[in-house]
């Protein structure tokens, strides 16, 4: 009986530890499904990742809009601005060399880890260590993410703890009226 209790305790502890550390792998041909709240409307948005040595391309599809959003390696490494452009007027949208899309740059991520804050779009985001809001649920698994809050407004972001691909898995209270939540990750 003692062994059974220990086995159950071990399995429960293992499962709890595993669920606390879930970080979805993002690679070439990963499909990211989001639910977006845009100015009071709800819509789904799908991003299919395509990586090359020079760029990251998100194949975006939402409500009849299909476009490829291109982020340069320079922006992936040292970008400091988030683009909210949805490519509605172009089949291919090439972001500015300092812009990222649905993620922060690797250098901003390093600032967050090292200094517990980072600056994006001229806004300082501070790591929220007070509240236990660091995890976002994805298909029954808890994603290990940083929860940050903007200093000048109430914008909140949850950023996956992945230094190579710091994807924003949730955004709320965005003054632009664009909020979103990652709901599914599929490898194609």
N, C-alpha and C. Protein backbone atom coordinates (compact mmCIF):
# COMPACT_ATOMS: atom_id res chain seq x y z
N UNK A 1 0.83 -1.20 0.00
CA UNK A 1 0.00 0.00 0.00
C UNK A 1 0.87 1.26 0.00
N UNK A 2 1.94 1.19 0.78
CA UNK A 2 2.85 2.33 0.87
C UNK A 2 3.47 2.62 -0.50
N UNK A 3 3.84 1.56 -1.24
CA UNK A 3 4.43 1.72 -2.57
C UNK A 3 3.43 2.34 -3.56
N UNK A 4 2.17 1.95 -3.46
CA UNK A 4 1.14 2.50 -4.35
C UNK A 4 0.96 3.99 -4.10
N UNK A 5 0.91 4.37 -2.84
CA UNK A 5 0.76 5.79 -2.49
C UNK A 5 1.97 6.57 -2.99
N UNK A 6 3.17 6.03 -2.81
CA UNK A 6 4.37 6.70 -3.30
C UNK A 6 4.36 6.82 -4.83
N UNK A 7 3.90 5.78 -5.52
CA UNK A 7 3.83 5.80 -6.98
C UNK A 7 2.84 6.86 -7.45
N UNK A 8 1.69 6.94 -6.80
CA UNK A 8 0.68 7.94 -7.17
C UNK A 8 1.22 9.34 -6.90
N UNK A 9 1.86 9.52 -5.75
CA UNK A 9 2.45 10.81 -5.42
C UNK A 9 3.52 11.21 -6.44
N UNK A 10 4.36 10.27 -6.83
CA UNK A 10 5.40 10.54 -7.82
C UNK A 10 4.78 10.94 -9.15
N UNK A 11 3.78 10.17 -9.62
CA UNK A 11 3.13 10.46 -10.91
C UNK A 11 2.45 11.83 -10.89
N UNK A 12 1.79 12.13 -9.78
CA UNK A 12 1.12 13.43 -9.65
C UNK A 12 2.14 14.55 -9.67
N UNK A 13 3.21 14.39 -8.92
CA UNK A 13 4.26 15.40 -8.88
C UNK A 13 4.90 15.56 -10.25
N UNK A 14 5.17 14.44 -10.93
CA UNK A 14 5.77 14.49 -12.26
C UNK A 14 4.85 15.21 -13.23
N UNK A 15 3.57 14.85 -13.22
CA UNK A 15 2.60 15.48 -14.13
C UNK A 15 2.49 16.98 -13.84
N UNK A 16 2.44 17.37 -12.57
CA UNK A 16 2.36 18.78 -12.21
C UNK A 16 3.60 19.51 -12.69
N UNK A 17 4.76 18.93 -12.47
CA UNK A 17 6.02 19.54 -12.91
C UNK A 17 6.09 19.64 -14.42
N UNK A 18 5.62 18.62 -15.13
CA UNK A 18 5.63 18.64 -16.59
C UNK A 18 4.70 19.72 -17.11
N UNK A 19 3.51 19.82 -16.52
CA UNK A 19 2.56 20.81 -17.03
C UNK A 19 3.03 22.23 -16.74
N UNK A 20 3.79 22.43 -15.69
CA UNK A 20 4.28 23.77 -15.37
C UNK A 20 5.39 24.21 -16.33
N UNK A 21 6.02 23.25 -17.00
CA UNK A 21 7.16 23.57 -17.84
C UNK A 21 6.89 23.41 -19.32
N UNK A 22 5.64 23.35 -19.75
CA UNK A 22 5.33 23.14 -21.16
C UNK A 22 5.67 24.39 -21.96
N UNK A 23 6.56 24.22 -22.91
CA UNK A 23 6.92 25.28 -23.84
C UNK A 23 6.73 24.70 -25.24
N UNK A 24 5.72 25.16 -25.98
CA UNK A 24 5.50 24.61 -27.31
C UNK A 24 6.72 24.84 -28.20
N UNK A 25 7.05 23.83 -29.00
CA UNK A 25 8.17 24.01 -29.92
C UNK A 25 7.66 24.70 -31.18
N UNK A 26 8.36 25.71 -31.58
CA UNK A 26 8.01 26.49 -32.76
C UNK A 26 9.14 26.28 -33.76
N UNK A 27 8.80 25.76 -34.92
CA UNK A 27 9.81 25.51 -35.94
C UNK A 27 9.19 25.73 -37.31
N UNK A 28 9.90 25.37 -38.35
CA UNK A 28 9.38 25.51 -39.70
C UNK A 28 8.10 24.70 -39.84
N UNK A 29 7.08 25.31 -40.41
CA UNK A 29 5.77 24.69 -40.65
C UNK A 29 4.98 24.40 -39.37
N UNK A 30 5.19 25.20 -38.35
CA UNK A 30 4.33 25.12 -37.17
C UNK A 30 3.14 26.05 -37.42
N UNK A 31 1.95 25.54 -37.15
CA UNK A 31 0.74 26.35 -37.31
C UNK A 31 0.29 26.83 -35.95
N UNK A 32 0.14 28.14 -35.83
CA UNK A 32 -0.29 28.78 -34.59
C UNK A 32 -1.70 29.30 -34.79
N UNK A 33 -2.62 28.86 -33.95
CA UNK A 33 -4.01 29.30 -34.05
C UNK A 33 -4.33 30.20 -32.88
N UNK A 34 -4.86 31.37 -33.20
CA UNK A 34 -5.21 32.38 -32.20
C UNK A 34 -6.69 32.71 -32.30
N UNK A 35 -7.25 33.15 -31.19
CA UNK A 35 -8.55 33.80 -31.18
C UNK A 35 -8.25 35.27 -30.87
N UNK A 36 -8.73 36.15 -31.75
CA UNK A 36 -8.44 37.57 -31.63
C UNK A 36 -9.72 38.36 -31.36
N UNK A 37 -9.58 39.34 -30.50
CA UNK A 37 -10.64 40.31 -30.25
C UNK A 37 -10.16 41.62 -30.86
N UNK A 38 -10.81 42.03 -31.94
CA UNK A 38 -10.41 43.23 -32.66
C UNK A 38 -11.54 44.24 -32.61
N UNK A 39 -11.39 45.26 -31.80
CA UNK A 39 -12.39 46.33 -31.71
C UNK A 39 -13.79 45.78 -31.49
N UNK A 40 -13.91 44.83 -30.58
CA UNK A 40 -15.21 44.26 -30.24
C UNK A 40 -15.63 43.07 -31.08
N UNK A 41 -14.90 42.76 -32.14
CA UNK A 41 -15.21 41.61 -32.97
C UNK A 41 -14.31 40.45 -32.57
N UNK A 42 -14.82 39.24 -32.72
CA UNK A 42 -14.02 38.05 -32.47
C UNK A 42 -13.77 37.35 -33.79
N UNK A 43 -12.50 36.99 -34.02
CA UNK A 43 -12.16 36.24 -35.23
C UNK A 43 -10.99 35.32 -34.93
N UNK A 44 -10.90 34.29 -35.73
CA UNK A 44 -9.76 33.38 -35.61
C UNK A 44 -8.67 33.86 -36.56
N UNK A 45 -7.45 33.53 -36.20
CA UNK A 45 -6.30 33.91 -37.00
C UNK A 45 -5.33 32.75 -36.96
N UNK A 46 -4.82 32.36 -38.12
CA UNK A 46 -3.86 31.27 -38.21
C UNK A 46 -2.56 31.81 -38.78
N UNK A 47 -1.45 31.43 -38.17
CA UNK A 47 -0.13 31.79 -38.65
C UNK A 47 0.64 30.50 -38.91
N UNK A 48 1.15 30.33 -40.13
CA UNK A 48 1.99 29.19 -40.46
C UNK A 48 3.42 29.69 -40.58
N UNK A 49 4.32 29.16 -39.75
CA UNK A 49 5.70 29.64 -39.74
C UNK A 49 6.48 29.03 -40.90
N UNK A 50 7.28 29.87 -41.52
CA UNK A 50 8.20 29.44 -42.57
C UNK A 50 9.52 30.13 -42.26
N UNK A 51 10.54 29.34 -41.98
CA UNK A 51 11.82 29.94 -41.59
C UNK A 51 12.87 29.68 -42.67
N UNK A 52 13.71 30.69 -42.86
CA UNK A 52 14.90 30.55 -43.68
C UNK A 52 16.05 31.14 -42.87
N UNK A 53 17.24 31.09 -43.40
CA UNK A 53 18.35 31.66 -42.63
C UNK A 53 18.26 33.19 -42.54
N UNK A 54 17.52 33.82 -43.45
CA UNK A 54 17.43 35.27 -43.47
C UNK A 54 16.15 35.85 -42.90
N UNK A 55 15.08 35.07 -42.87
CA UNK A 55 13.78 35.63 -42.48
C UNK A 55 12.92 34.61 -41.73
N UNK A 56 11.91 35.15 -41.08
CA UNK A 56 10.81 34.37 -40.55
C UNK A 56 9.57 34.89 -41.26
N UNK A 57 8.83 34.00 -41.88
CA UNK A 57 7.61 34.39 -42.58
C UNK A 57 6.44 33.75 -41.86
N UNK A 58 5.47 34.57 -41.52
CA UNK A 58 4.20 34.08 -40.99
C UNK A 58 3.20 34.10 -42.14
N UNK A 59 2.72 32.93 -42.53
CA UNK A 59 1.63 32.87 -43.49
C UNK A 59 0.35 33.10 -42.71
N UNK A 60 -0.21 34.30 -42.83
CA UNK A 60 -1.37 34.71 -42.05
C UNK A 60 -2.64 34.42 -42.84
N UNK A 61 -3.62 33.88 -42.12
CA UNK A 61 -4.93 33.67 -42.72
C UNK A 61 -5.99 34.01 -41.70
N UNK A 62 -6.86 34.97 -42.06
CA UNK A 62 -7.96 35.36 -41.19
C UNK A 62 -9.06 36.00 -42.01
N UNK A 63 -10.25 35.57 -41.80
CA UNK A 63 -11.44 36.18 -42.39
C UNK A 63 -11.24 36.58 -43.86
N UNK A 64 -10.80 35.62 -44.66
CA UNK A 64 -10.63 35.87 -46.09
C UNK A 64 -9.34 36.55 -46.48
N UNK A 65 -8.55 36.98 -45.52
CA UNK A 65 -7.27 37.63 -45.80
C UNK A 65 -6.16 36.59 -45.72
N UNK A 66 -5.36 36.52 -46.78
CA UNK A 66 -4.19 35.64 -46.79
C UNK A 66 -3.00 36.49 -47.20
N UNK A 67 -1.98 36.48 -46.37
CA UNK A 67 -0.79 37.26 -46.68
C UNK A 67 0.41 36.63 -45.99
N UNK A 68 1.58 36.91 -46.50
CA UNK A 68 2.82 36.49 -45.87
C UNK A 68 3.47 37.70 -45.23
N UNK A 69 3.72 37.59 -43.93
CA UNK A 69 4.33 38.69 -43.20
C UNK A 69 5.78 38.30 -42.92
N UNK A 70 6.71 39.09 -43.45
CA UNK A 70 8.13 38.77 -43.43
C UNK A 70 8.85 39.59 -42.36
N UNK A 71 9.52 38.89 -41.46
CA UNK A 71 10.33 39.52 -40.42
C UNK A 71 11.79 39.18 -40.68
N UNK A 72 12.65 40.19 -40.69
CA UNK A 72 14.08 39.97 -40.97
C UNK A 72 14.78 39.37 -39.76
N UNK A 73 15.94 38.76 -40.02
CA UNK A 73 16.76 38.22 -38.94
C UNK A 73 17.21 39.33 -37.99
N UNK A 74 17.47 40.51 -38.55
CA UNK A 74 17.87 41.66 -37.73
C UNK A 74 16.78 41.97 -36.71
N UNK A 75 15.53 42.00 -37.15
CA UNK A 75 14.42 42.28 -36.24
C UNK A 75 14.23 41.14 -35.24
N UNK A 76 14.39 39.90 -35.68
CA UNK A 76 14.26 38.77 -34.75
C UNK A 76 15.30 38.85 -33.63
N UNK A 77 16.48 39.32 -33.98
CA UNK A 77 17.55 39.41 -32.97
C UNK A 77 17.44 40.68 -32.12
N UNK A 78 17.20 41.84 -32.75
CA UNK A 78 17.30 43.11 -32.02
C UNK A 78 16.10 44.04 -32.21
N UNK A 79 14.99 43.54 -32.69
CA UNK A 79 13.81 44.39 -32.91
C UNK A 79 13.34 45.07 -31.64
N UNK A 80 12.62 46.20 -31.84
CA UNK A 80 12.13 46.95 -30.68
C UNK A 80 10.70 47.46 -30.88
N UNK A 81 10.01 46.89 -31.87
CA UNK A 81 8.64 47.33 -32.12
C UNK A 81 7.80 46.16 -32.62
N UNK A 82 6.57 46.15 -32.18
CA UNK A 82 5.62 45.12 -32.58
C UNK A 82 4.72 45.69 -33.67
N UNK A 83 4.61 44.99 -34.79
CA UNK A 83 3.72 45.42 -35.86
C UNK A 83 2.35 44.80 -35.64
N UNK A 84 1.32 45.61 -35.79
CA UNK A 84 -0.06 45.13 -35.71
C UNK A 84 -0.70 45.10 -37.10
N UNK A 85 0.09 45.34 -38.15
CA UNK A 85 -0.40 45.32 -39.51
C UNK A 85 -0.82 43.90 -39.87
N UNK A 86 -1.99 43.75 -40.44
CA UNK A 86 -2.50 42.42 -40.78
C UNK A 86 -2.37 42.11 -42.26
N UNK A 87 -1.65 42.92 -42.99
CA UNK A 87 -1.39 42.64 -44.39
C UNK A 87 -2.61 42.66 -45.28
N UNK A 88 -3.62 43.43 -44.93
CA UNK A 88 -4.87 43.42 -45.67
C UNK A 88 -4.75 43.99 -47.08
N UNK A 89 -3.68 44.70 -47.35
CA UNK A 89 -3.56 45.37 -48.65
C UNK A 89 -2.43 44.81 -49.50
N UNK A 90 -1.87 43.67 -49.10
CA UNK A 90 -0.74 43.13 -49.84
C UNK A 90 -0.65 41.61 -49.63
N UNK A 91 -0.22 40.90 -50.67
CA UNK A 91 0.00 39.46 -50.53
C UNK A 91 1.26 39.17 -49.72
N UNK A 92 2.20 40.10 -49.76
CA UNK A 92 3.43 39.98 -48.99
C UNK A 92 3.67 41.31 -48.30
N UNK A 93 3.86 41.24 -46.99
CA UNK A 93 4.15 42.43 -46.21
C UNK A 93 5.52 42.26 -45.58
N UNK A 94 6.47 43.09 -45.96
CA UNK A 94 7.82 43.04 -45.40
C UNK A 94 7.88 44.08 -44.29
N UNK A 95 8.08 43.60 -43.07
CA UNK A 95 8.13 44.50 -41.91
C UNK A 95 9.41 45.31 -41.93
N UNK A 96 9.38 46.44 -41.24
CA UNK A 96 10.57 47.28 -41.10
C UNK A 96 11.65 46.49 -40.35
N UNK A 97 12.92 46.85 -40.52
CA UNK A 97 14.03 46.07 -39.93
C UNK A 97 14.03 46.02 -38.40
N UNK A 98 13.17 46.78 -37.75
CA UNK A 98 13.12 46.75 -36.29
C UNK A 98 11.78 46.21 -35.77
N UNK A 99 10.92 45.71 -36.68
CA UNK A 99 9.59 45.24 -36.28
C UNK A 99 9.49 43.72 -36.26
N UNK A 100 8.76 43.23 -35.28
CA UNK A 100 8.42 41.81 -35.20
C UNK A 100 6.90 41.68 -35.24
N UNK A 101 6.42 40.45 -35.34
CA UNK A 101 5.00 40.19 -35.46
C UNK A 101 4.65 39.02 -34.55
N UNK A 102 3.76 39.24 -33.59
CA UNK A 102 3.30 38.23 -32.64
C UNK A 102 4.43 37.65 -31.78
N UNK A 103 5.53 38.36 -31.70
CA UNK A 103 6.64 37.95 -30.84
C UNK A 103 7.51 39.16 -30.54
N UNK A 104 8.33 39.02 -29.50
CA UNK A 104 9.33 40.05 -29.23
C UNK A 104 10.67 39.54 -29.74
N UNK A 105 11.63 40.42 -29.84
CA UNK A 105 12.96 40.03 -30.32
C UNK A 105 13.72 39.26 -29.24
N UNK A 106 14.77 38.60 -29.67
CA UNK A 106 15.61 37.86 -28.74
C UNK A 106 16.32 38.79 -27.76
N UNK A 107 16.71 39.97 -28.21
CA UNK A 107 17.37 40.90 -27.28
C UNK A 107 16.37 41.45 -26.25
N UNK A 108 15.13 41.70 -26.65
CA UNK A 108 14.11 42.14 -25.69
C UNK A 108 13.85 41.02 -24.67
N UNK A 109 13.84 39.80 -25.14
CA UNK A 109 13.65 38.65 -24.25
C UNK A 109 14.79 38.59 -23.23
N UNK A 110 16.03 38.78 -23.71
CA UNK A 110 17.18 38.75 -22.80
C UNK A 110 17.10 39.88 -21.78
N UNK A 111 16.63 41.06 -22.20
CA UNK A 111 16.43 42.17 -21.26
C UNK A 111 15.41 41.79 -20.20
N UNK A 112 14.35 41.12 -20.62
CA UNK A 112 13.31 40.69 -19.68
C UNK A 112 13.87 39.71 -18.66
N UNK A 113 14.65 38.75 -19.12
CA UNK A 113 15.23 37.76 -18.21
C UNK A 113 16.23 38.42 -17.27
N UNK A 114 17.10 39.26 -17.80
CA UNK A 114 18.17 39.87 -17.01
C UNK A 114 17.69 41.01 -16.12
N UNK A 115 16.86 41.91 -16.68
CA UNK A 115 16.48 43.13 -15.96
C UNK A 115 15.03 43.17 -15.49
N UNK A 116 14.28 42.11 -15.81
CA UNK A 116 12.86 42.00 -15.44
C UNK A 116 12.00 43.09 -16.12
N UNK A 117 12.50 43.57 -17.27
CA UNK A 117 11.75 44.55 -18.06
C UNK A 117 12.38 44.63 -19.44
N UNK A 118 11.61 45.18 -20.37
CA UNK A 118 12.12 45.46 -21.71
C UNK A 118 11.30 46.60 -22.31
N UNK A 119 11.84 47.22 -23.36
CA UNK A 119 11.16 48.33 -24.03
C UNK A 119 10.78 47.88 -25.43
N UNK A 120 9.51 48.10 -25.78
CA UNK A 120 9.00 47.77 -27.10
C UNK A 120 8.00 48.84 -27.49
N UNK A 121 8.06 49.31 -28.72
CA UNK A 121 7.20 50.40 -29.19
C UNK A 121 7.27 51.60 -28.23
N UNK A 122 8.45 51.91 -27.73
CA UNK A 122 8.69 53.01 -26.79
C UNK A 122 7.89 52.87 -25.50
N UNK A 123 7.53 51.66 -25.15
CA UNK A 123 6.79 51.38 -23.93
C UNK A 123 7.60 50.38 -23.10
N UNK A 124 7.73 50.66 -21.82
CA UNK A 124 8.44 49.74 -20.93
C UNK A 124 7.45 48.72 -20.38
N UNK A 125 7.79 47.47 -20.54
CA UNK A 125 7.01 46.36 -19.99
C UNK A 125 7.77 45.77 -18.81
N UNK A 126 7.09 45.65 -17.68
CA UNK A 126 7.69 45.17 -16.44
C UNK A 126 7.18 43.76 -16.15
N UNK A 127 8.09 42.88 -15.75
CA UNK A 127 7.72 41.53 -15.35
C UNK A 127 6.83 41.60 -14.12
N UNK A 128 5.68 40.96 -14.17
CA UNK A 128 4.75 40.93 -13.05
C UNK A 128 5.07 39.71 -12.19
N UNK A 129 5.76 39.95 -11.11
CA UNK A 129 6.14 38.86 -10.20
C UNK A 129 5.18 38.73 -9.03
N UNK A 130 4.28 39.70 -8.86
CA UNK A 130 3.35 39.70 -7.72
C UNK A 130 2.22 38.71 -7.91
N UNK A 131 1.67 38.70 -9.11
CA UNK A 131 0.50 37.86 -9.36
C UNK A 131 0.90 36.53 -9.96
N UNK A 132 0.15 35.52 -9.63
CA UNK A 132 0.41 34.19 -10.18
C UNK A 132 -0.32 34.06 -11.51
N UNK A 133 0.09 34.85 -12.49
CA UNK A 133 -0.54 34.86 -13.80
C UNK A 133 0.46 34.47 -14.87
N UNK A 134 1.51 33.74 -14.51
CA UNK A 134 2.57 33.49 -15.47
C UNK A 134 2.23 32.40 -16.48
N UNK A 135 1.16 31.67 -16.27
CA UNK A 135 0.85 30.58 -17.19
C UNK A 135 -0.44 30.81 -17.95
N UNK A 136 -0.43 30.35 -19.18
CA UNK A 136 -1.59 30.41 -20.05
C UNK A 136 -1.92 28.97 -20.42
N UNK A 137 -3.20 28.62 -20.42
CA UNK A 137 -3.61 27.26 -20.74
C UNK A 137 -3.73 27.09 -22.26
N UNK A 138 -3.13 26.02 -22.76
CA UNK A 138 -3.19 25.69 -24.18
C UNK A 138 -3.53 24.22 -24.32
N UNK A 139 -4.74 23.94 -24.74
CA UNK A 139 -5.21 22.57 -24.93
C UNK A 139 -4.98 21.70 -23.69
N UNK A 140 -5.31 22.24 -22.53
CA UNK A 140 -5.19 21.50 -21.29
C UNK A 140 -3.80 21.49 -20.68
N UNK A 141 -2.86 22.14 -21.32
CA UNK A 141 -1.50 22.23 -20.79
C UNK A 141 -1.21 23.67 -20.43
N UNK A 142 -0.46 23.83 -19.37
CA UNK A 142 -0.10 25.17 -18.94
C UNK A 142 1.21 25.57 -19.60
N UNK A 143 1.16 26.65 -20.40
CA UNK A 143 2.36 27.15 -21.07
C UNK A 143 3.19 27.94 -20.07
N UNK A 144 4.46 27.67 -20.04
CA UNK A 144 5.37 28.41 -19.18
C UNK A 144 5.67 29.74 -19.86
N UNK A 145 5.19 30.82 -19.28
CA UNK A 145 5.29 32.14 -19.91
C UNK A 145 5.58 33.22 -18.88
N UNK A 146 6.22 34.29 -19.36
CA UNK A 146 6.40 35.48 -18.56
C UNK A 146 5.15 36.33 -18.70
N UNK A 147 4.70 36.93 -17.61
CA UNK A 147 3.57 37.86 -17.63
C UNK A 147 4.15 39.25 -17.43
N UNK A 148 3.91 40.15 -18.40
CA UNK A 148 4.43 41.51 -18.30
C UNK A 148 3.29 42.51 -18.42
N UNK A 149 3.49 43.68 -17.81
CA UNK A 149 2.49 44.74 -17.82
C UNK A 149 3.17 46.03 -18.27
N UNK A 150 2.51 46.76 -19.16
CA UNK A 150 3.04 48.03 -19.64
C UNK A 150 2.99 49.07 -18.53
N UNK A 151 3.99 49.93 -18.47
CA UNK A 151 4.03 50.97 -17.44
C UNK A 151 3.08 52.12 -17.73
N UNK A 152 2.82 52.44 -19.00
CA UNK A 152 2.02 53.62 -19.29
C UNK A 152 0.53 53.35 -19.49
N UNK A 153 0.15 52.10 -19.64
CA UNK A 153 -1.26 51.75 -19.76
C UNK A 153 -1.45 50.38 -19.08
N UNK A 154 -2.54 49.74 -19.36
CA UNK A 154 -2.82 48.47 -18.68
C UNK A 154 -2.52 47.25 -19.55
N UNK A 155 -1.86 47.43 -20.70
CA UNK A 155 -1.60 46.31 -21.59
C UNK A 155 -0.85 45.20 -20.86
N UNK A 156 -1.33 43.98 -21.05
CA UNK A 156 -0.68 42.80 -20.47
C UNK A 156 -0.30 41.85 -21.60
N UNK A 157 0.87 41.24 -21.47
CA UNK A 157 1.31 40.23 -22.43
C UNK A 157 1.85 39.03 -21.68
N UNK A 158 1.66 37.86 -22.29
CA UNK A 158 2.25 36.63 -21.81
C UNK A 158 3.17 36.15 -22.92
N UNK A 159 4.45 35.99 -22.59
CA UNK A 159 5.48 35.66 -23.58
C UNK A 159 6.05 34.29 -23.22
N UNK A 160 6.01 33.39 -24.19
CA UNK A 160 6.51 32.03 -23.96
C UNK A 160 7.98 32.08 -23.58
N UNK A 161 8.34 31.31 -22.59
CA UNK A 161 9.73 31.26 -22.13
C UNK A 161 10.57 30.43 -23.10
N UNK A 162 10.89 31.06 -24.22
CA UNK A 162 11.70 30.44 -25.26
C UNK A 162 12.61 31.51 -25.83
N UNK A 163 13.89 31.50 -25.48
CA UNK A 163 14.80 32.58 -25.91
C UNK A 163 14.99 32.66 -27.42
N UNK A 164 14.80 31.55 -28.15
CA UNK A 164 14.97 31.56 -29.59
C UNK A 164 13.73 32.06 -30.32
N UNK A 165 12.55 31.85 -29.72
CA UNK A 165 11.29 32.21 -30.36
C UNK A 165 10.32 32.72 -29.30
N UNK A 166 10.56 33.94 -28.77
CA UNK A 166 9.72 34.48 -27.69
C UNK A 166 8.36 34.95 -28.19
N UNK A 167 7.51 33.99 -28.46
CA UNK A 167 6.18 34.22 -29.00
C UNK A 167 5.26 34.82 -27.94
N UNK A 168 4.45 35.78 -28.35
CA UNK A 168 3.42 36.32 -27.45
C UNK A 168 2.23 35.38 -27.55
N UNK A 169 1.90 34.73 -26.45
CA UNK A 169 0.80 33.77 -26.50
C UNK A 169 -0.52 34.39 -26.04
N UNK A 170 -0.44 35.58 -25.44
CA UNK A 170 -1.68 36.25 -25.04
C UNK A 170 -1.40 37.73 -24.85
N UNK A 171 -2.38 38.56 -25.27
CA UNK A 171 -2.32 40.00 -25.04
C UNK A 171 -3.72 40.45 -24.63
N UNK A 172 -3.78 41.26 -23.57
CA UNK A 172 -5.06 41.81 -23.12
C UNK A 172 -4.89 43.29 -22.82
N UNK A 173 -6.01 43.97 -22.76
CA UNK A 173 -6.09 45.40 -22.40
C UNK A 173 -5.26 46.30 -23.30
N UNK A 174 -5.09 45.90 -24.54
CA UNK A 174 -4.33 46.68 -25.52
C UNK A 174 -5.15 47.92 -25.90
N UNK A 175 -4.61 49.12 -25.75
CA UNK A 175 -5.36 50.33 -26.08
C UNK A 175 -5.71 50.43 -27.57
N UNK A 176 -5.05 49.65 -28.42
CA UNK A 176 -5.38 49.64 -29.84
C UNK A 176 -6.62 48.79 -30.12
N UNK A 177 -7.12 48.08 -29.10
CA UNK A 177 -8.29 47.24 -29.27
C UNK A 177 -7.98 45.91 -29.93
N UNK A 178 -6.71 45.51 -29.93
CA UNK A 178 -6.28 44.25 -30.55
C UNK A 178 -5.76 43.34 -29.44
N UNK A 179 -6.56 42.35 -29.07
CA UNK A 179 -6.19 41.39 -28.03
C UNK A 179 -6.27 39.99 -28.62
N UNK A 180 -5.40 39.10 -28.17
CA UNK A 180 -5.40 37.76 -28.76
C UNK A 180 -4.91 36.72 -27.77
N UNK A 181 -5.29 35.47 -28.04
CA UNK A 181 -4.88 34.33 -27.21
C UNK A 181 -4.54 33.16 -28.12
N UNK A 182 -3.38 32.56 -27.91
CA UNK A 182 -2.99 31.35 -28.61
C UNK A 182 -3.83 30.19 -28.11
N UNK A 183 -4.47 29.46 -29.03
CA UNK A 183 -5.36 28.36 -28.61
C UNK A 183 -4.90 26.99 -29.11
N UNK A 184 -3.99 26.97 -30.09
CA UNK A 184 -3.54 25.68 -30.61
C UNK A 184 -2.21 25.82 -31.33
N UNK A 185 -1.34 24.82 -31.17
CA UNK A 185 -0.06 24.75 -31.88
C UNK A 185 0.00 23.39 -32.55
N UNK A 186 0.19 23.38 -33.87
CA UNK A 186 0.23 22.14 -34.63
C UNK A 186 1.45 22.14 -35.54
N UNK A 187 2.17 21.03 -35.54
CA UNK A 187 3.28 20.88 -36.50
C UNK A 187 2.74 20.27 -37.77
N UNK A 188 3.04 20.91 -38.89
CA UNK A 188 2.55 20.44 -40.21
C UNK A 188 3.57 19.57 -40.87
